[in-house]
Amino acid sequence: MRVCLIYPGIVGKGFDSIGQGMDSGWISHGLAILAACARQAGHEVSLIDLRAMKGWEHFQRDLADRHPEVVALTIMSADYNPAMHCLEITRAFDPKIITMVGGAHATIMPQELESNPNIDHIFLGEAENTFPDALNKLARGEAVPRIVPGDHPDLNSIPYADHALFIDEWRAQGYAVTSPEAPFAEELPPPFVTIIAGRGCMYNCSYCQPAERHIFGRKVRMRSVGNVMGELEELRDRFHFASLMFHDDCLTEDREWVIEFCRAYRAAGFTQPFFCQSRADIIVKNEDMVALMAQVGLKGYFIGFESGSDRVLRFIRKGTKRAQNLKAAEICRKYGIAIWANYMLGLPTETKDEVLETISMLKKIDPDYYSPAFYTPHPGSDLYDYCIANDLSLIKDHDSYRRNPDEAKIRGVDYEWLAWALAESQKRTPLNRLQRGVRKTWKRYAQPKKIARKLRQLFGAQQ
């Protein structure tokens, strides 16, 4: 069958935004894997990425040019509105096109989609098996249920994500793309790629769970190290990537897996720097693992510090403490690992004094990158249910499910003051600025190779 996959993620940067950072420079691994699965089953697959469109008229023209038999969209909560508009346009263009939706929002909030006449099938959970199976049934003229339950595929048996699905489409739309995905940190030079090594999360943070378990199940499932290395070798051969990032919620959950990966990565001749996500408590308890990761190429950790208040950390069930956040930052500094600090302001029950605790923690951590958010109640999480039960949510439109720190999300928060706190949280102290300047200068001029080169130049000039 002729299948057109649609990526509707334009709420952040909008149309015509390819290459503009994380929002508009990275692929959807879900669609990239489903494309590979559908092709493996013998179906013809194309992609429309709304971020590469100039507007809705452009989308209509592209849809008409492809004239698919099936249109399938992935939907995050924030992508709901553009996704629904895509479906309206599709239905108006040709009512015979079979429409499918899946992804996080479809899995967590299927009741919001069931009555939509523009949707034929709703896929729950992971669809690497169920999506191509449904396409096969449709091709044979067999019935497919309106709601298709997911399953948990063997991650070592499914195809690798088709990274070219996105980069080829971006180029076809006129973008001069030279990197498979947009690098976002100075430690990660292009060509840059992202990869996912596993699925699920063993932790129980109330702002996330149990939504993730509804999608991936209760257990964390990791691809084998050999399987991940196979994909990296394929990406190296095809794109000659110079750096990468792991998308996993917490790559470092399984210490033994990480150690095996580090050894395999080095043995295969990889030296490319990479970033991944970890947790403060894991870093503190596994400094030897951190050191090994740094030796083989780790250049940065995404760390969910979230708050500098122990009471707030307990309230959101983070499972970490302020002291661990500070100690983890010390360990990162020791091994030259950049810190990408994720944190939230405006959490339910949080006081201004507790926000100030977060600010003081960040002054001590002095992260390399600040990634703040105003707490946003997301469907499927226990903290979302808490906000609904206590009439706290101010979310009136799906667009506001973005984690952007520039609009009111819940009642009882002084957002004018929080805007000051947001700015203050990202101000470095004079001492931190001085130390950063010294480190930058040392890194620039005191590297052994550079010193040797300068000495050769000096002695050569004297001869």
Protein backbone atom coordinates (compact mmCIF):
# COMPACT_ATOMS: atom_id res chain seq x y z
CA MET A 1 0.00 0.00 0.00
CA ARG A 2 1.04 3.62 -0.50
CA VAL A 3 1.57 4.98 2.99
CA CYS A 4 2.26 8.60 3.88
CA LEU A 5 3.60 9.20 7.37
CA ILE A 6 3.07 12.69 8.78
CA TYR A 7 5.10 14.42 11.47
CA PRO A 8 2.97 17.29 12.85
CA GLY A 9 5.44 18.84 15.32
CA ILE A 10 5.16 22.54 14.43
CA VAL A 11 3.91 23.92 17.76
CA GLY A 12 7.43 24.91 18.79
CA LYS A 13 9.03 26.62 15.77
CA GLY A 14 6.25 26.43 13.20
CA PHE A 15 6.35 25.83 9.46
CA ASP A 16 9.57 26.22 7.44
CA SER A 17 11.80 25.65 10.44
CA ILE A 18 14.06 22.70 9.61
CA GLY A 19 17.44 22.89 11.31
CA GLN A 20 16.35 25.30 14.03
CA GLY A 21 17.53 23.37 17.08
CA MET A 22 15.93 20.43 18.85
CA ASP A 23 12.32 21.27 17.96
CA SER A 24 12.97 21.43 14.26
CA GLY A 25 16.25 19.66 13.69
CA TRP A 26 15.74 16.15 14.97
CA ILE A 27 13.99 13.14 13.50
CA SER A 28 11.04 11.26 14.97
CA HIS A 29 12.50 7.86 15.81
CA GLY A 30 9.00 6.42 16.12
CA LEU A 31 8.11 7.27 12.52
CA ALA A 32 11.59 6.36 11.27
CA ILE A 33 11.27 2.86 12.75
CA LEU A 34 7.68 2.38 11.58
CA ALA A 35 8.75 3.38 8.07
CA ALA A 36 11.41 0.68 8.12
CA CYS A 37 8.90 -1.88 9.43
CA ALA A 38 6.31 -1.01 6.78
CA ARG A 39 8.87 -1.20 3.98
CA GLN A 40 10.10 -4.53 5.30
CA ALA A 41 6.50 -5.74 4.92
CA GLY A 42 6.48 -4.62 1.28
CA HIS A 43 4.67 -1.29 1.49
CA GLU A 44 5.61 2.01 -0.17
CA VAL A 45 6.36 4.70 2.41
CA SER A 46 6.83 8.46 2.15
CA LEU A 47 6.99 11.25 4.72
CA ILE A 48 5.49 14.70 5.08
CA ASP A 49 7.20 16.68 7.82
CA LEU A 50 5.12 19.79 8.58
CA ARG A 51 8.29 21.53 9.75
CA ALA A 52 9.49 21.41 6.13
CA MET A 53 6.24 22.79 4.73
CA LYS A 54 5.76 26.49 3.96
CA GLY A 55 2.16 26.36 5.20
CA TRP A 56 -1.13 24.49 4.94
CA GLU A 57 -1.46 25.06 1.19
CA HIS A 58 1.97 23.48 0.73
CA PHE A 59 0.81 20.48 2.78
CA GLN A 60 -2.34 20.14 0.64
CA ARG A 61 -0.26 20.18 -2.57
CA ASP A 62 2.19 17.60 -1.25
CA LEU A 63 -0.61 15.33 -0.11
CA ALA A 64 -2.25 15.56 -3.53
CA ASP A 65 1.03 14.80 -5.29
CA ARG A 66 1.53 11.63 -3.24
CA HIS A 67 -2.13 10.57 -3.23
CA PRO A 68 -1.60 7.92 -0.54
CA GLU A 69 -3.94 5.09 0.31
CA VAL A 70 -3.05 5.41 4.00
CA VAL A 71 -2.10 8.47 6.06
CA ALA A 72 -0.60 7.83 9.51
CA LEU A 73 0.31 10.43 12.12
CA THR A 74 2.17 10.31 15.41
CA ILE A 75 0.73 12.63 18.07
CA MET A 76 2.26 14.11 21.18
CA SER A 77 -0.17 16.10 23.35
CA ALA A 78 1.29 19.41 22.16
CA ASP A 79 0.89 18.33 18.51
CA TYR A 80 -2.85 17.66 18.78
CA ASN A 81 -4.11 20.75 16.93
CA PRO A 82 -1.88 20.55 13.82
CA ALA A 83 -2.45 16.79 13.71
CA MET A 84 -6.22 17.24 13.71
CA HIS A 85 -5.94 19.85 10.95
CA CYS A 86 -3.89 17.42 8.86
CA LEU A 87 -6.66 14.87 9.24
CA GLU A 88 -9.33 17.40 8.25
CA ILE A 89 -7.42 18.30 5.08
CA THR A 90 -6.83 14.62 4.29
CA ARG A 91 -10.49 13.72 4.66
CA ALA A 92 -11.58 16.69 2.56
CA PHE A 93 -9.07 15.83 -0.17
CA ASP A 94 -10.08 12.18 -0.46
CA PRO A 95 -12.53 10.50 1.95
CA LYS A 96 -11.29 7.10 0.78
CA ILE A 97 -7.84 7.59 2.34
CA ILE A 98 -7.52 5.43 5.45
CA THR A 99 -6.34 7.52 8.39
CA MET A 100 -4.36 6.26 11.38
CA VAL A 101 -3.02 7.90 14.53
CA GLY A 102 -0.62 6.67 17.18
CA GLY A 103 1.98 7.91 19.60
CA ALA A 104 1.95 9.07 23.20
CA HIS A 105 -1.26 11.10 23.15
CA ALA A 106 -3.20 8.46 21.25
CA THR A 107 -2.13 5.85 23.79
CA ILE A 108 -2.81 7.93 26.89
CA MET A 109 -5.94 9.77 25.73
CA PRO A 110 -7.66 7.52 23.16
CA GLN A 111 -11.06 8.67 24.43
CA GLU A 112 -10.31 12.13 23.06
CA LEU A 113 -9.87 10.67 19.57
CA GLU A 114 -12.48 7.92 19.41
CA SER A 115 -15.36 10.15 18.33
CA ASN A 116 -13.35 11.99 15.66
CA PRO A 117 -14.86 11.08 12.26
CA ASN A 118 -11.59 11.91 10.50
CA ILE A 119 -9.77 9.03 12.24
CA ASP A 120 -10.24 5.44 11.10
CA HIS A 121 -7.78 3.62 13.38
CA ILE A 122 -6.11 4.44 16.70
CA PHE A 123 -2.92 2.55 17.55
CA LEU A 124 -2.04 2.16 21.22
CA GLY A 125 1.45 1.72 22.61
CA GLU A 126 4.26 0.35 20.46
CA ALA A 127 3.25 -0.41 16.88
CA GLU A 128 6.28 -2.00 15.21
CA ASN A 129 4.28 -5.23 14.90
CA THR A 130 0.70 -3.97 14.75
CA PHE A 131 1.20 -1.21 12.16
CA PRO A 132 2.62 -3.37 9.33
CA ASP A 133 0.16 -6.12 10.28
CA ALA A 134 -2.72 -3.68 9.84
CA LEU A 135 -1.33 -2.55 6.47
CA ASN A 136 -1.08 -6.18 5.37
CA LYS A 137 -4.71 -6.82 6.36
CA LEU A 138 -5.92 -3.72 4.53
CA ALA A 139 -3.99 -4.77 1.43
CA ARG A 140 -5.78 -8.12 1.56
CA GLY A 141 -9.17 -6.46 2.05
CA GLU A 142 -9.48 -7.62 5.65
CA ALA A 143 -10.95 -5.62 8.52
CA VAL A 144 -8.83 -3.74 11.04
CA PRO A 145 -10.36 -2.71 14.41
CA ARG A 146 -10.85 0.98 15.17
CA ILE A 147 -8.63 0.70 18.24
CA VAL A 148 -5.54 -1.46 17.77
CA PRO A 149 -3.86 -2.56 21.01
CA GLY A 150 -0.08 -2.44 21.00
CA ASP A 151 2.44 -5.02 22.07
CA HIS A 152 6.08 -4.95 23.14
CA PRO A 153 8.28 -6.01 20.24
CA ASP A 154 11.66 -7.65 20.57
CA LEU A 155 13.88 -4.58 20.16
CA ASN A 156 16.69 -6.67 18.70
CA SER A 157 14.45 -7.99 15.92
CA ILE A 158 12.91 -4.79 14.55
CA PRO A 159 14.71 -2.77 11.84
CA TYR A 160 16.91 0.19 12.66
CA ALA A 161 15.35 3.63 12.44
CA ASP A 162 15.41 4.95 8.87
CA HIS A 163 17.29 8.21 9.47
CA ALA A 164 17.32 8.95 5.74
CA LEU A 165 13.51 9.15 5.75
CA PHE A 166 13.79 12.62 7.26
CA ILE A 167 17.01 13.96 5.77
CA ASP A 168 15.94 12.95 2.25
CA GLU A 169 12.58 14.66 2.70
CA TRP A 170 14.19 17.83 4.05
CA ARG A 171 16.48 17.96 1.05
CA ALA A 172 13.59 17.28 -1.32
CA GLN A 173 11.85 20.33 0.15
CA GLY A 174 14.83 22.51 -0.64
CA TYR A 175 16.79 22.50 2.62
CA ALA A 176 20.57 22.38 2.29
CA VAL A 177 20.97 19.81 5.04
CA THR A 178 24.52 18.63 5.69
CA SER A 179 23.99 17.00 9.09
CA PRO A 180 21.44 14.19 9.59
CA GLU A 181 20.17 16.11 12.63
CA ALA A 182 20.87 19.55 14.06
CA PRO A 183 23.66 19.66 16.66
CA PHE A 184 22.76 21.65 19.77
CA ALA A 185 25.91 21.93 21.88
CA GLU A 186 29.46 23.03 21.12
CA GLU A 187 30.76 19.67 22.35
CA LEU A 188 28.82 17.89 19.58
CA PRO A 189 30.09 18.84 16.11
CA PRO A 190 28.20 17.96 12.91
CA PRO A 191 27.43 15.63 11.29
CA PHE A 192 25.29 14.77 14.32
CA VAL A 193 22.85 11.88 14.90
CA THR A 194 20.59 10.64 17.66
CA ILE A 195 19.86 7.06 18.66
CA ILE A 196 17.65 5.19 21.14
CA ALA A 197 19.10 2.18 22.96
CA GLY A 198 16.06 1.08 24.96
CA ARG A 199 12.55 1.85 26.11
CA GLY A 200 10.90 2.53 29.43
CA CYS A 201 11.98 3.98 32.76
CA MET A 202 12.29 2.25 36.13
CA TYR A 203 11.68 5.43 38.14
CA ASN A 204 8.38 6.76 39.44
CA CYS A 205 8.45 10.56 39.08
CA SER A 206 4.88 11.83 39.47
CA TYR A 207 5.15 14.33 36.61
CA CYS A 208 5.79 11.48 34.16
CA GLN A 209 4.45 8.18 35.45
CA PRO A 210 2.38 6.13 34.91
CA ALA A 211 2.01 7.54 31.37
CA GLU A 212 5.26 6.03 30.16
CA ARG A 213 4.36 2.60 31.52
CA HIS A 214 1.11 2.71 29.55
CA ILE A 215 3.24 3.00 26.42
CA PHE A 216 6.27 0.82 27.10
CA GLY A 217 5.25 -1.45 29.98
CA ARG A 218 6.60 -1.66 33.50
CA LYS A 219 10.04 -3.00 32.66
CA VAL A 220 12.93 -1.24 30.98
CA ARG A 221 13.87 -3.07 27.78
CA MET A 222 17.33 -2.48 26.35
CA ARG A 223 18.55 -3.45 22.93
CA SER A 224 21.63 -5.62 23.11
CA VAL A 225 24.94 -3.80 22.96
CA GLY A 226 25.66 -5.64 19.73
CA ASN A 227 22.43 -4.40 18.18
CA VAL A 228 23.15 -0.79 19.15
CA MET A 229 26.71 -1.08 17.84
CA GLY A 230 25.35 -2.42 14.55
CA GLU A 231 23.21 0.67 14.12
CA LEU A 232 26.10 2.99 15.02
CA GLU A 233 28.34 1.29 12.49
CA GLU A 234 25.65 1.66 9.83
CA LEU A 235 25.25 5.36 10.70
CA ARG A 236 29.01 5.83 10.60
CA ASP A 237 29.23 4.26 7.16
CA ARG A 238 26.28 6.20 5.77
CA PHE A 239 26.56 9.62 7.40
CA HIS A 240 30.12 9.73 8.77
CA PHE A 241 28.74 11.24 11.96
CA ALA A 242 31.10 13.23 14.17
CA SER A 243 28.93 13.17 17.32
CA LEU A 244 25.75 11.65 18.70
CA MET A 245 23.18 11.74 21.45
CA PHE A 246 21.20 8.97 23.13
CA HIS A 247 17.50 9.83 23.43
CA ASP A 248 16.88 7.31 26.23
CA ASP A 249 15.10 8.60 29.33
CA CYS A 250 18.01 7.35 31.39
CA LEU A 251 20.73 5.46 29.53
CA THR A 252 22.67 4.81 32.75
CA GLU A 253 19.98 2.81 34.59
CA ASP A 254 21.73 -0.48 33.82
CA ARG A 255 25.34 -0.19 34.96
CA GLU A 256 26.47 -3.47 33.39
CA TRP A 257 24.94 -2.55 30.03
CA VAL A 258 26.76 0.80 30.08
CA ILE A 259 30.11 -0.80 30.90
CA GLU A 260 29.68 -3.37 28.13
CA PHE A 261 28.72 -0.62 25.69
CA CYS A 262 31.73 1.53 26.59
CA ARG A 263 34.09 -1.36 25.95
CA ALA A 264 32.40 -2.23 22.65
CA TYR A 265 32.34 1.42 21.54
CA ARG A 266 36.08 1.76 22.12
CA ALA A 267 36.89 -1.64 20.60
CA ALA A 268 35.01 -0.72 17.41
CA GLY A 269 37.20 2.36 16.98
CA PHE A 270 34.58 4.95 17.83
CA THR A 271 35.90 8.18 19.30
CA GLN A 272 32.92 10.39 18.51
CA PRO A 273 31.73 12.45 21.50
CA PHE A 274 28.23 11.86 22.82
CA PHE A 275 25.62 13.12 25.28
CA CYS A 276 23.10 11.04 27.19
CA GLN A 277 20.63 11.39 30.03
CA SER A 278 21.39 10.30 33.57
CA ARG A 279 20.31 11.00 37.15
CA ALA A 280 22.14 12.62 40.03
CA ASP A 281 21.82 9.57 42.29
CA ILE A 282 23.20 7.24 39.60
CA ILE A 283 26.17 9.53 38.98
CA VAL A 284 26.97 9.76 42.69
CA LYS A 285 26.75 6.01 43.24
CA ASN A 286 28.68 5.02 40.10
CA GLU A 287 31.63 7.37 39.74
CA ASP A 288 33.77 4.63 38.20
CA MET A 289 31.14 4.14 35.47
CA VAL A 290 31.07 7.89 34.88
CA ALA A 291 34.87 7.91 34.53
CA LEU A 292 34.75 5.05 32.00
CA MET A 293 32.07 6.82 29.96
CA ALA A 294 34.18 9.97 29.91
CA GLN A 295 37.18 7.98 28.72
CA VAL A 296 35.35 6.63 25.67
CA GLY A 297 33.65 9.85 24.57
CA LEU A 298 30.95 11.06 26.95
CA LYS A 299 30.97 14.86 26.81
CA GLY A 300 27.71 15.75 28.51
CA TYR A 301 24.91 14.54 30.75
CA PHE A 302 21.32 15.71 30.68
CA ILE A 303 20.41 15.65 34.37
CA GLY A 304 16.90 16.20 35.72
CA PHE A 305 17.76 18.21 38.83
CA GLU A 306 14.16 19.51 38.82
CA SER A 307 14.32 21.30 42.20
CA GLY A 308 16.74 22.40 44.90
CA SER A 309 14.19 21.70 47.62
CA ASP A 310 14.21 18.29 49.27
CA ARG A 311 10.53 18.65 50.14
CA VAL A 312 9.62 19.35 46.53
CA LEU A 313 11.80 16.47 45.31
CA ARG A 314 9.89 14.16 47.68
CA PHE A 315 6.56 15.59 46.54
CA ILE A 316 7.28 14.83 42.88
CA ARG A 317 8.72 11.39 43.79
CA LYS A 318 12.01 12.19 42.09
CA GLY A 319 14.00 9.85 44.31
CA THR A 320 16.96 12.22 44.60
CA LYS A 321 18.11 14.85 47.08
CA ARG A 322 19.59 18.31 46.78
CA ALA A 323 22.92 17.05 48.17
CA GLN A 324 23.06 14.40 45.42
CA ASN A 325 22.39 17.05 42.78
CA LEU A 326 25.34 19.07 44.04
CA LYS A 327 27.63 16.04 44.36
CA ALA A 328 26.73 14.84 40.85
CA ALA A 329 27.74 18.23 39.47
CA GLU A 330 31.11 17.96 41.26
CA ILE A 331 31.73 14.56 39.69
CA CYS A 332 30.84 15.88 36.23
CA ARG A 333 33.32 18.74 36.67
CA LYS A 334 35.99 16.29 37.81
CA TYR A 335 35.76 14.33 34.55
CA GLY A 336 35.15 17.26 32.21
CA ILE A 337 31.52 16.34 31.51
CA ALA A 338 29.21 19.18 30.47
CA ILE A 339 26.03 19.56 32.51
CA TRP A 340 22.69 20.13 30.78
CA ALA A 341 20.48 21.11 33.72
CA ASN A 342 16.78 20.28 33.41
CA TYR A 343 14.69 21.90 36.12
CA MET A 344 11.14 23.06 36.77
CA LEU A 345 9.71 26.14 38.40
CA GLY A 346 6.11 26.62 39.47
CA LEU A 347 5.41 23.09 40.67
CA PRO A 348 2.19 22.47 42.62
CA THR A 349 2.61 23.29 46.35
CA GLU A 350 6.03 24.91 45.68
CA THR A 351 6.67 28.06 47.70
CA LYS A 352 8.75 31.06 46.69
CA ASP A 353 11.37 30.07 49.27
CA GLU A 354 11.62 26.64 47.62
CA VAL A 355 12.07 28.27 44.22
CA LEU A 356 14.90 30.26 45.76
CA GLU A 357 16.41 26.96 46.92
CA THR A 358 16.43 25.83 43.29
CA ILE A 359 18.11 29.08 42.26
CA SER A 360 20.77 28.76 44.95
CA MET A 361 21.42 25.15 43.89
CA LEU A 362 21.91 26.21 40.28
CA LYS A 363 24.34 28.94 41.34
CA LYS A 364 26.43 26.22 43.00
CA ILE A 365 26.12 23.75 40.13
CA ASP A 366 26.87 26.39 37.48
CA PRO A 367 25.61 24.19 34.61
CA ASP A 368 26.95 24.50 31.11
CA TYR A 369 23.44 24.57 29.70
CA TYR A 370 20.21 25.70 31.37
CA SER A 371 16.99 23.95 30.38
CA PRO A 372 14.20 25.43 32.51
CA ALA A 373 10.47 24.79 32.29
CA PHE A 374 7.37 26.05 33.98
CA TYR A 375 5.75 22.91 35.33
CA THR A 376 3.12 21.75 32.84
CA PRO A 377 0.53 19.12 33.82
CA HIS A 378 0.72 16.40 31.17
CA PRO A 379 -2.08 13.87 30.64
CA GLY A 380 -1.43 10.41 32.00
CA SER A 381 0.75 11.45 34.93
CA ASP A 382 -0.17 11.31 38.60
CA LEU A 383 0.72 14.97 39.02
CA TYR A 384 -1.68 15.82 36.17
CA ASP A 385 -4.42 13.96 38.03
CA TYR A 386 -3.50 15.89 41.18
CA CYS A 387 -3.87 19.18 39.30
CA ILE A 388 -7.24 18.17 37.85
CA ALA A 389 -8.53 16.95 41.23
CA ASN A 390 -7.50 20.22 42.88
CA ASP A 391 -8.68 22.45 39.99
CA LEU A 392 -5.15 23.74 39.37
CA SER A 393 -4.70 23.30 35.62
CA LEU A 394 -4.88 26.39 33.44
CA ILE A 395 -4.32 24.41 30.23
CA LYS A 396 -7.14 25.33 27.85
CA ASP A 397 -5.52 24.36 24.57
CA HIS A 398 -3.28 21.49 23.52
CA ASP A 399 -0.62 23.94 22.30
CA SER A 400 0.03 24.80 25.97
CA TYR A 401 1.27 21.29 26.74
CA ARG A 402 4.70 22.50 25.61
CA ARG A 403 7.17 22.78 28.50
CA ASN A 404 7.82 26.41 27.57
CA PRO A 405 8.59 28.76 30.48
CA ASP A 406 6.59 31.70 29.18
CA GLU A 407 2.93 31.14 30.05
CA ALA A 408 0.82 30.35 33.10
CA LYS A 409 0.24 26.61 33.56
CA ILE A 410 -1.44 26.13 36.97
CA ARG A 411 -3.34 28.22 39.51
CA GLY A 412 -1.74 29.55 42.66
CA VAL A 413 1.58 30.54 41.06
CA ASP A 414 2.80 34.12 40.83
CA TYR A 415 4.07 33.92 37.24
CA GLU A 416 5.25 37.52 37.20
CA TRP A 417 7.58 36.71 40.09
CA LEU A 418 8.43 33.37 38.49
CA ALA A 419 9.61 35.18 35.37
CA TRP A 420 12.12 37.03 37.59
CA ALA A 421 13.11 33.72 39.19
CA LEU A 422 13.60 32.15 35.75
CA ALA A 423 15.98 34.94 34.72
CA GLU A 424 17.79 34.85 38.05
CA SER A 425 18.25 31.07 37.86
CA GLN A 426 20.36 31.53 34.72
CA LYS A 427 22.62 34.31 36.02
CA ARG A 428 26.12 33.12 36.79
CA THR A 429 27.91 34.46 39.85
CA PRO A 430 31.07 36.57 39.30
CA LEU A 431 33.18 33.69 40.65
CA ASN A 432 31.55 31.22 38.25
CA ARG A 433 32.16 33.53 35.32
CA LEU A 434 35.80 33.89 36.32
CA GLN A 435 36.28 30.14 36.70
CA ARG A 436 34.62 29.52 33.34
CA GLY A 437 36.91 32.03 31.69
CA VAL A 438 39.97 30.36 33.16
CA ARG A 439 38.81 26.89 32.07
CA LYS A 440 38.04 28.12 28.57
CA THR A 441 41.43 29.76 28.24
CA TRP A 442 43.22 26.70 29.59
CA LYS A 443 41.31 24.43 27.24
CA ARG A 444 42.12 26.64 24.29
CA TYR A 445 45.81 27.23 24.88
CA ALA A 446 47.09 24.54 27.24
CA GLN A 447 46.41 21.38 25.29
CA PRO A 448 49.57 19.27 24.87
CA LYS A 449 49.33 19.21 21.07
CA LYS A 450 48.89 22.95 20.90
CA ILE A 451 51.81 23.52 23.28
CA ALA A 452 54.03 21.22 21.22
CA ARG A 453 53.02 23.03 18.03
CA LYS A 454 53.76 26.43 19.59
CA LEU A 455 57.17 25.20 20.78
CA ARG A 456 58.00 23.88 17.32
CA GLN A 457 57.01 27.19 15.82
CA LEU A 458 59.06 29.08 18.42
CA PHE A 459 62.23 27.00 17.99
CA GLY A 460 61.80 26.93 14.23
CA ALA A 461 61.73 30.71 14.14
CA GLN A 462 64.95 30.89 16.20
CA GLN A 463 66.91 28.62 13.88
